[in-house]
Amino acid sequence: MSSYFDELDSHISDLVRTHTGTDTAILSLVADIEDAVMATVYAAILDKEFPGDLRLRAIGVMRDWALRGDPAARVPGSAGNDEPRRWFLSVRYSRLLAELHSFFHDVARRRIQTRFGLLFDSPAGMVSRAQAWDEEHNRGG
């Protein structure tokens, strides 16, 4: 298993522990991290070999738990979801990252074979392995 989500958890814990600004400011910092993670997750789940049922589940997690809402469904000017903000302010942790961490463990447990190997619990790892495979196998046309 990878350390992708564990490293994010540590990073957010450090931010929360050292942050001296307002709740709005820390929410914004964590939402920026979530946005970057969601971009990576979308790159992973939109791969042609990622199972459709899991793709829909990941999109649902992002829709329900992102502080700013799912970027693919974001309404301009919208503040995002209230429930994830309440969750974060009460426990000082991103529910989105917790749910995605669990989701990607489920993906890894399925042992899904793809052109670039097994899908595992790091969306960033999936993206980099898929890109490397595609570049290597598409060289020269």
N, C-alpha and C. Protein backbone atom coordinates (compact mmCIF):
# COMPACT_ATOMS: atom_id res chain seq x y z
N MET A 1 0.84 -1.19 0.00
CA MET A 1 0.00 0.00 0.00
C MET A 1 0.89 1.26 0.00
N SER A 2 0.40 2.30 -0.61
CA SER A 2 1.20 3.52 -0.74
C SER A 2 1.00 4.44 0.45
N SER A 3 1.77 5.50 0.47
CA SER A 3 1.66 6.47 1.56
C SER A 3 1.02 7.78 1.08
N TYR A 4 0.42 7.77 -0.11
CA TYR A 4 -0.13 8.99 -0.69
C TYR A 4 -1.06 9.72 0.27
N PHE A 5 -2.08 9.04 0.77
CA PHE A 5 -3.05 9.70 1.64
C PHE A 5 -2.48 9.92 3.05
N ASP A 6 -1.59 9.05 3.49
CA ASP A 6 -0.95 9.25 4.80
C ASP A 6 -0.13 10.53 4.80
N GLU A 7 0.57 10.80 3.71
CA GLU A 7 1.36 12.03 3.62
C GLU A 7 0.46 13.26 3.60
N LEU A 8 -0.67 13.17 2.90
CA LEU A 8 -1.63 14.28 2.90
C LEU A 8 -2.19 14.52 4.30
N ASP A 9 -2.49 13.44 5.00
CA ASP A 9 -3.00 13.53 6.36
C ASP A 9 -1.99 14.24 7.26
N SER A 10 -0.73 13.86 7.16
CA SER A 10 0.32 14.50 7.96
C SER A 10 0.44 15.98 7.63
N HIS A 11 0.37 16.28 6.34
CA HIS A 11 0.49 17.67 5.90
C HIS A 11 -0.65 18.52 6.48
N ILE A 12 -1.87 18.02 6.40
CA ILE A 12 -3.01 18.77 6.94
C ILE A 12 -2.92 18.87 8.46
N SER A 13 -2.51 17.81 9.11
CA SER A 13 -2.34 17.86 10.57
C SER A 13 -1.33 18.92 10.96
N ASP A 14 -0.21 19.01 10.22
CA ASP A 14 0.79 20.05 10.48
C ASP A 14 0.21 21.44 10.26
N LEU A 15 -0.55 21.60 9.17
CA LEU A 15 -1.19 22.90 8.90
C LEU A 15 -2.11 23.31 10.03
N VAL A 16 -2.94 22.39 10.46
CA VAL A 16 -3.90 22.68 11.53
C VAL A 16 -3.18 23.02 12.83
N ARG A 17 -2.14 22.26 13.13
CA ARG A 17 -1.41 22.47 14.38
C ARG A 17 -0.69 23.82 14.40
N THR A 18 -0.18 24.25 13.27
CA THR A 18 0.64 25.47 13.25
C THR A 18 -0.12 26.71 12.78
N HIS A 19 -1.32 26.53 12.25
CA HIS A 19 -2.07 27.66 11.70
C HIS A 19 -2.58 28.57 12.81
N THR A 20 -2.36 29.86 12.65
CA THR A 20 -2.81 30.82 13.66
C THR A 20 -3.87 31.77 13.12
N GLY A 21 -4.31 31.55 11.91
CA GLY A 21 -5.30 32.42 11.29
C GLY A 21 -6.72 32.02 11.62
N THR A 22 -7.62 32.53 10.84
CA THR A 22 -9.05 32.30 11.04
C THR A 22 -9.47 30.93 10.51
N ASP A 23 -10.67 30.51 10.92
CA ASP A 23 -11.24 29.28 10.37
C ASP A 23 -11.37 29.39 8.86
N THR A 24 -11.77 30.54 8.37
CA THR A 24 -11.93 30.74 6.93
C THR A 24 -10.60 30.53 6.21
N ALA A 25 -9.53 31.00 6.81
CA ALA A 25 -8.21 30.86 6.19
C ALA A 25 -7.76 29.40 6.15
N ILE A 26 -7.93 28.67 7.24
CA ILE A 26 -7.50 27.27 7.24
C ILE A 26 -8.40 26.45 6.33
N LEU A 27 -9.69 26.76 6.28
CA LEU A 27 -10.58 26.07 5.34
C LEU A 27 -10.12 26.29 3.90
N SER A 28 -9.70 27.49 3.59
CA SER A 28 -9.23 27.79 2.24
C SER A 28 -7.95 27.01 1.91
N LEU A 29 -7.03 26.93 2.86
CA LEU A 29 -5.79 26.18 2.64
C LEU A 29 -6.09 24.70 2.40
N VAL A 30 -6.97 24.13 3.22
CA VAL A 30 -7.30 22.72 3.07
C VAL A 30 -8.10 22.49 1.78
N ALA A 31 -8.98 23.41 1.44
CA ALA A 31 -9.73 23.28 0.19
C ALA A 31 -8.80 23.31 -1.01
N ASP A 32 -7.73 24.12 -0.94
CA ASP A 32 -6.74 24.13 -2.03
C ASP A 32 -6.08 22.76 -2.17
N ILE A 33 -5.75 22.13 -1.04
CA ILE A 33 -5.16 20.79 -1.07
C ILE A 33 -6.16 19.81 -1.67
N GLU A 34 -7.41 19.89 -1.22
CA GLU A 34 -8.45 19.02 -1.76
C GLU A 34 -8.60 19.18 -3.27
N ASP A 35 -8.57 20.42 -3.74
CA ASP A 35 -8.70 20.66 -5.18
C ASP A 35 -7.58 19.97 -5.95
N ALA A 36 -6.36 20.05 -5.44
CA ALA A 36 -5.23 19.40 -6.10
C ALA A 36 -5.40 17.87 -6.09
N VAL A 37 -5.87 17.34 -4.97
CA VAL A 37 -6.10 15.90 -4.87
C VAL A 37 -7.19 15.48 -5.85
N MET A 38 -8.26 16.26 -5.93
CA MET A 38 -9.35 15.90 -6.84
C MET A 38 -8.90 15.94 -8.29
N ALA A 39 -8.01 16.85 -8.64
CA ALA A 39 -7.48 16.88 -10.01
C ALA A 39 -6.73 15.58 -10.30
N THR A 40 -5.97 15.11 -9.34
CA THR A 40 -5.24 13.85 -9.50
C THR A 40 -6.20 12.68 -9.56
N VAL A 41 -7.20 12.69 -8.68
CA VAL A 41 -8.19 11.60 -8.68
C VAL A 41 -8.92 11.55 -10.02
N TYR A 42 -9.32 12.72 -10.53
CA TYR A 42 -9.98 12.72 -11.85
C TYR A 42 -9.07 12.16 -12.92
N ALA A 43 -7.80 12.51 -12.89
CA ALA A 43 -6.87 11.97 -13.90
C ALA A 43 -6.80 10.44 -13.79
N ALA A 44 -6.85 9.92 -12.57
CA ALA A 44 -6.80 8.47 -12.38
C ALA A 44 -8.09 7.79 -12.81
N ILE A 45 -9.22 8.33 -12.38
CA ILE A 45 -10.49 7.63 -12.64
C ILE A 45 -10.99 7.79 -14.06
N LEU A 46 -10.45 8.76 -14.80
CA LEU A 46 -10.86 8.93 -16.18
C LEU A 46 -10.03 8.08 -17.15
N ASP A 47 -9.07 7.34 -16.60
CA ASP A 47 -8.34 6.41 -17.43
C ASP A 47 -9.32 5.41 -18.03
N LYS A 48 -9.08 5.02 -19.27
CA LYS A 48 -10.01 4.16 -20.00
C LYS A 48 -10.21 2.80 -19.34
N GLU A 49 -9.28 2.37 -18.51
CA GLU A 49 -9.42 1.06 -17.87
C GLU A 49 -9.92 1.12 -16.43
N PHE A 50 -10.19 2.30 -15.93
CA PHE A 50 -10.72 2.41 -14.57
C PHE A 50 -12.19 1.99 -14.61
N PRO A 51 -12.61 1.07 -13.74
CA PRO A 51 -13.98 0.57 -13.80
C PRO A 51 -15.04 1.66 -13.59
N GLY A 52 -16.08 1.61 -14.41
CA GLY A 52 -17.13 2.62 -14.37
C GLY A 52 -17.83 2.71 -13.04
N ASP A 53 -18.09 1.58 -12.38
CA ASP A 53 -18.78 1.62 -11.08
C ASP A 53 -17.94 2.35 -10.04
N LEU A 54 -16.64 2.12 -10.08
CA LEU A 54 -15.75 2.80 -9.14
C LEU A 54 -15.61 4.28 -9.49
N ARG A 55 -15.60 4.58 -10.78
CA ARG A 55 -15.53 5.98 -11.22
C ARG A 55 -16.72 6.77 -10.65
N LEU A 56 -17.90 6.20 -10.78
CA LEU A 56 -19.10 6.88 -10.26
C LEU A 56 -19.04 7.04 -8.74
N ARG A 57 -18.53 6.03 -8.08
CA ARG A 57 -18.40 6.13 -6.61
C ARG A 57 -17.43 7.23 -6.21
N ALA A 58 -16.32 7.35 -6.91
CA ALA A 58 -15.33 8.40 -6.60
C ALA A 58 -15.93 9.78 -6.84
N ILE A 59 -16.66 9.92 -7.92
CA ILE A 59 -17.29 11.21 -8.22
C ILE A 59 -18.29 11.56 -7.12
N GLY A 60 -19.03 10.58 -6.64
CA GLY A 60 -19.97 10.82 -5.54
C GLY A 60 -19.28 11.26 -4.27
N VAL A 61 -18.15 10.64 -3.96
CA VAL A 61 -17.38 11.03 -2.77
C VAL A 61 -16.94 12.49 -2.89
N MET A 62 -16.43 12.86 -4.05
CA MET A 62 -15.96 14.24 -4.24
C MET A 62 -17.12 15.22 -4.18
N ARG A 63 -18.23 14.85 -4.78
CA ARG A 63 -19.41 15.72 -4.74
C ARG A 63 -19.88 15.94 -3.30
N ASP A 64 -19.89 14.88 -2.52
CA ASP A 64 -20.46 14.95 -1.18
C ASP A 64 -19.54 15.55 -0.14
N TRP A 65 -18.20 15.39 -0.28
CA TRP A 65 -17.31 15.72 0.82
C TRP A 65 -16.26 16.78 0.56
N ALA A 66 -16.15 17.30 -0.66
CA ALA A 66 -15.17 18.37 -0.91
C ALA A 66 -15.64 19.66 -0.26
N LEU A 67 -14.72 20.37 0.36
CA LEU A 67 -15.06 21.64 1.02
C LEU A 67 -15.69 22.63 0.05
N ARG A 68 -15.17 22.67 -1.17
CA ARG A 68 -15.71 23.59 -2.17
C ARG A 68 -16.66 22.90 -3.14
N GLY A 69 -16.93 21.64 -2.93
CA GLY A 69 -17.74 20.88 -3.87
C GLY A 69 -16.88 20.32 -4.99
N ASP A 70 -17.44 19.40 -5.71
CA ASP A 70 -16.74 18.76 -6.83
C ASP A 70 -16.48 19.80 -7.92
N PRO A 71 -15.22 19.97 -8.35
CA PRO A 71 -14.94 20.99 -9.37
C PRO A 71 -15.69 20.76 -10.67
N ALA A 72 -16.02 19.50 -10.99
CA ALA A 72 -16.75 19.22 -12.22
C ALA A 72 -18.20 19.66 -12.14
N ALA A 73 -18.70 19.84 -10.92
CA ALA A 73 -20.11 20.22 -10.74
C ALA A 73 -20.26 21.55 -10.00
N ARG A 74 -19.15 22.28 -9.86
CA ARG A 74 -19.15 23.51 -9.08
C ARG A 74 -19.97 24.60 -9.75
N VAL A 75 -20.79 25.26 -8.96
CA VAL A 75 -21.59 26.38 -9.45
C VAL A 75 -20.79 27.65 -9.18
N PRO A 76 -20.54 28.48 -10.21
CA PRO A 76 -19.76 29.71 -9.98
C PRO A 76 -20.40 30.55 -8.87
N GLY A 77 -19.56 31.01 -7.96
CA GLY A 77 -20.03 31.84 -6.86
C GLY A 77 -20.53 31.06 -5.67
N SER A 78 -20.63 29.73 -5.79
CA SER A 78 -21.11 28.90 -4.69
C SER A 78 -19.99 28.72 -3.66
N ALA A 79 -20.38 28.69 -2.40
CA ALA A 79 -19.40 28.51 -1.32
C ALA A 79 -19.03 27.04 -1.15
N GLY A 80 -19.78 26.14 -1.73
CA GLY A 80 -19.50 24.71 -1.58
C GLY A 80 -20.48 24.06 -0.63
N ASN A 81 -20.04 22.98 -0.01
CA ASN A 81 -20.90 22.18 0.85
C ASN A 81 -20.77 22.60 2.31
N ASP A 82 -21.90 22.69 3.00
CA ASP A 82 -21.87 23.03 4.43
C ASP A 82 -21.40 21.87 5.29
N GLU A 83 -21.86 20.66 4.99
CA GLU A 83 -21.53 19.50 5.83
C GLU A 83 -20.02 19.25 5.92
N PRO A 84 -19.29 19.27 4.80
CA PRO A 84 -17.83 19.09 4.92
C PRO A 84 -17.16 20.19 5.74
N ARG A 85 -17.66 21.40 5.62
CA ARG A 85 -17.08 22.50 6.43
C ARG A 85 -17.35 22.27 7.91
N ARG A 86 -18.56 21.88 8.26
CA ARG A 86 -18.87 21.60 9.67
C ARG A 86 -18.00 20.46 10.18
N TRP A 87 -17.85 19.43 9.37
CA TRP A 87 -17.01 18.29 9.74
C TRP A 87 -15.58 18.76 10.02
N PHE A 88 -15.02 19.51 9.08
CA PHE A 88 -13.63 19.96 9.25
C PHE A 88 -13.48 20.81 10.50
N LEU A 89 -14.40 21.74 10.71
CA LEU A 89 -14.27 22.63 11.86
C LEU A 89 -14.44 21.89 13.18
N SER A 90 -15.15 20.78 13.17
CA SER A 90 -15.33 20.05 14.43
C SER A 90 -14.17 19.09 14.71
N VAL A 91 -13.61 18.47 13.68
CA VAL A 91 -12.54 17.48 13.92
C VAL A 91 -11.19 17.90 13.34
N ARG A 92 -11.17 18.98 12.57
CA ARG A 92 -9.93 19.51 11.98
C ARG A 92 -9.26 18.49 11.06
N TYR A 93 -10.08 17.84 10.25
CA TYR A 93 -9.58 16.89 9.28
C TYR A 93 -10.50 16.90 8.07
N SER A 94 -9.95 16.65 6.91
CA SER A 94 -10.72 16.63 5.67
C SER A 94 -11.48 15.31 5.53
N ARG A 95 -12.79 15.40 5.56
CA ARG A 95 -13.61 14.20 5.36
C ARG A 95 -13.41 13.67 3.94
N LEU A 96 -13.22 14.56 2.99
CA LEU A 96 -12.97 14.12 1.61
C LEU A 96 -11.76 13.20 1.55
N LEU A 97 -10.66 13.62 2.15
CA LEU A 97 -9.44 12.80 2.09
C LEU A 97 -9.62 11.48 2.82
N ALA A 98 -10.36 11.49 3.93
CA ALA A 98 -10.63 10.25 4.65
C ALA A 98 -11.45 9.29 3.78
N GLU A 99 -12.47 9.82 3.12
CA GLU A 99 -13.32 8.99 2.26
C GLU A 99 -12.58 8.49 1.03
N LEU A 100 -11.75 9.35 0.43
CA LEU A 100 -10.97 8.92 -0.74
C LEU A 100 -9.92 7.88 -0.35
N HIS A 101 -9.33 8.04 0.82
CA HIS A 101 -8.36 7.07 1.30
C HIS A 101 -9.02 5.69 1.41
N SER A 102 -10.17 5.64 2.02
CA SER A 102 -10.92 4.39 2.14
C SER A 102 -11.30 3.84 0.76
N PHE A 103 -11.77 4.73 -0.10
CA PHE A 103 -12.15 4.34 -1.46
C PHE A 103 -10.99 3.69 -2.20
N PHE A 104 -9.82 4.32 -2.16
CA PHE A 104 -8.68 3.78 -2.90
C PHE A 104 -8.13 2.50 -2.28
N HIS A 105 -8.34 2.28 -0.98
CA HIS A 105 -8.02 0.98 -0.41
C HIS A 105 -8.94 -0.09 -1.01
N ASP A 106 -10.21 0.26 -1.19
CA ASP A 106 -11.15 -0.66 -1.84
C ASP A 106 -10.72 -0.96 -3.28
N VAL A 107 -10.27 0.06 -3.99
CA VAL A 107 -9.78 -0.13 -5.36
C VAL A 107 -8.62 -1.13 -5.35
N ALA A 108 -7.67 -0.94 -4.47
CA ALA A 108 -6.50 -1.82 -4.41
C ALA A 108 -6.89 -3.25 -4.05
N ARG A 109 -7.85 -3.40 -3.14
CA ARG A 109 -8.29 -4.74 -2.73
C ARG A 109 -8.91 -5.53 -3.89
N ARG A 110 -9.46 -4.84 -4.86
CA ARG A 110 -10.07 -5.53 -6.01
C ARG A 110 -9.03 -6.15 -6.94
N ARG A 111 -7.78 -5.71 -6.83
CA ARG A 111 -6.70 -6.26 -7.66
C ARG A 111 -7.06 -6.23 -9.14
N ILE A 112 -7.38 -5.05 -9.62
CA ILE A 112 -7.79 -4.85 -11.01
C ILE A 112 -6.55 -4.70 -11.88
N GLN A 113 -6.43 -5.58 -12.84
CA GLN A 113 -5.28 -5.56 -13.75
C GLN A 113 -5.57 -4.60 -14.91
N THR A 114 -4.60 -3.75 -15.25
CA THR A 114 -4.72 -2.81 -16.36
C THR A 114 -3.48 -2.96 -17.25
N ARG A 115 -3.42 -2.22 -18.31
CA ARG A 115 -2.27 -2.26 -19.22
C ARG A 115 -0.98 -1.87 -18.51
N PHE A 116 -1.07 -1.08 -17.42
CA PHE A 116 0.12 -0.62 -16.71
C PHE A 116 0.30 -1.30 -15.36
N GLY A 117 -0.42 -2.38 -15.13
CA GLY A 117 -0.30 -3.13 -13.88
C GLY A 117 -1.57 -3.02 -13.05
N LEU A 118 -1.47 -3.45 -11.80
CA LEU A 118 -2.61 -3.40 -10.91
C LEU A 118 -2.94 -1.97 -10.50
N LEU A 119 -4.25 -1.71 -10.35
CA LEU A 119 -4.66 -0.45 -9.73
C LEU A 119 -4.38 -0.59 -8.24
N PHE A 120 -3.85 0.47 -7.65
CA PHE A 120 -3.60 0.41 -6.22
C PHE A 120 -4.10 1.67 -5.55
N ASP A 121 -3.67 1.92 -4.32
CA ASP A 121 -4.32 2.94 -3.49
C ASP A 121 -3.78 4.36 -3.64
N SER A 122 -2.98 4.61 -4.64
CA SER A 122 -2.46 5.95 -4.88
C SER A 122 -2.91 6.45 -6.25
N PRO A 123 -3.81 7.43 -6.28
CA PRO A 123 -4.21 7.95 -7.58
C PRO A 123 -3.03 8.57 -8.34
N ALA A 124 -2.12 9.21 -7.63
CA ALA A 124 -0.95 9.80 -8.29
C ALA A 124 -0.09 8.71 -8.91
N GLY A 125 0.06 7.60 -8.20
CA GLY A 125 0.82 6.47 -8.73
C GLY A 125 0.16 5.88 -9.97
N MET A 126 -1.16 5.78 -9.94
CA MET A 126 -1.88 5.27 -11.11
C MET A 126 -1.63 6.15 -12.33
N VAL A 127 -1.73 7.45 -12.12
CA VAL A 127 -1.57 8.40 -13.23
C VAL A 127 -0.15 8.31 -13.79
N SER A 128 0.84 8.31 -12.92
CA SER A 128 2.23 8.29 -13.41
C SER A 128 2.55 6.97 -14.10
N ARG A 129 2.06 5.85 -13.58
CA ARG A 129 2.31 4.56 -14.23
C ARG A 129 1.60 4.46 -15.56
N ALA A 130 0.37 4.95 -15.64
CA ALA A 130 -0.36 4.93 -16.91
C ALA A 130 0.33 5.79 -17.95
N GLN A 131 0.76 6.99 -17.54
CA GLN A 131 1.45 7.88 -18.48
C GLN A 131 2.75 7.26 -18.96
N ALA A 132 3.52 6.67 -18.05
CA ALA A 132 4.79 6.06 -18.42
C ALA A 132 4.55 4.89 -19.39
N TRP A 133 3.56 4.06 -19.10
CA TRP A 133 3.25 2.93 -19.98
C TRP A 133 2.84 3.42 -21.36
N ASP A 134 1.94 4.41 -21.37
CA ASP A 134 1.45 4.94 -22.65
C ASP A 134 2.58 5.54 -23.47
N GLU A 135 3.47 6.30 -22.81
CA GLU A 135 4.60 6.89 -23.53
C GLU A 135 5.52 5.81 -24.09
N GLU A 136 5.81 4.80 -23.30
CA GLU A 136 6.71 3.74 -23.73
C GLU A 136 6.13 2.92 -24.87
N HIS A 137 4.85 2.65 -24.80
CA HIS A 137 4.24 1.77 -25.80
C HIS A 137 3.68 2.50 -27.02
N ASN A 138 3.66 3.80 -26.96
CA ASN A 138 3.18 4.56 -28.11
C ASN A 138 4.32 5.25 -28.84
N ARG A 139 5.56 4.94 -28.46
CA ARG A 139 6.73 5.52 -29.12
C ARG A 139 6.82 5.01 -30.55
N GLY A 140 7.06 5.91 -31.43
CA GLY A 140 7.24 5.53 -32.83
C GLY A 140 5.95 5.23 -33.55
N GLY A 141 4.82 5.61 -32.99
CA GLY A 141 3.57 5.49 -33.68
C GLY A 141 2.84 4.26 -33.42
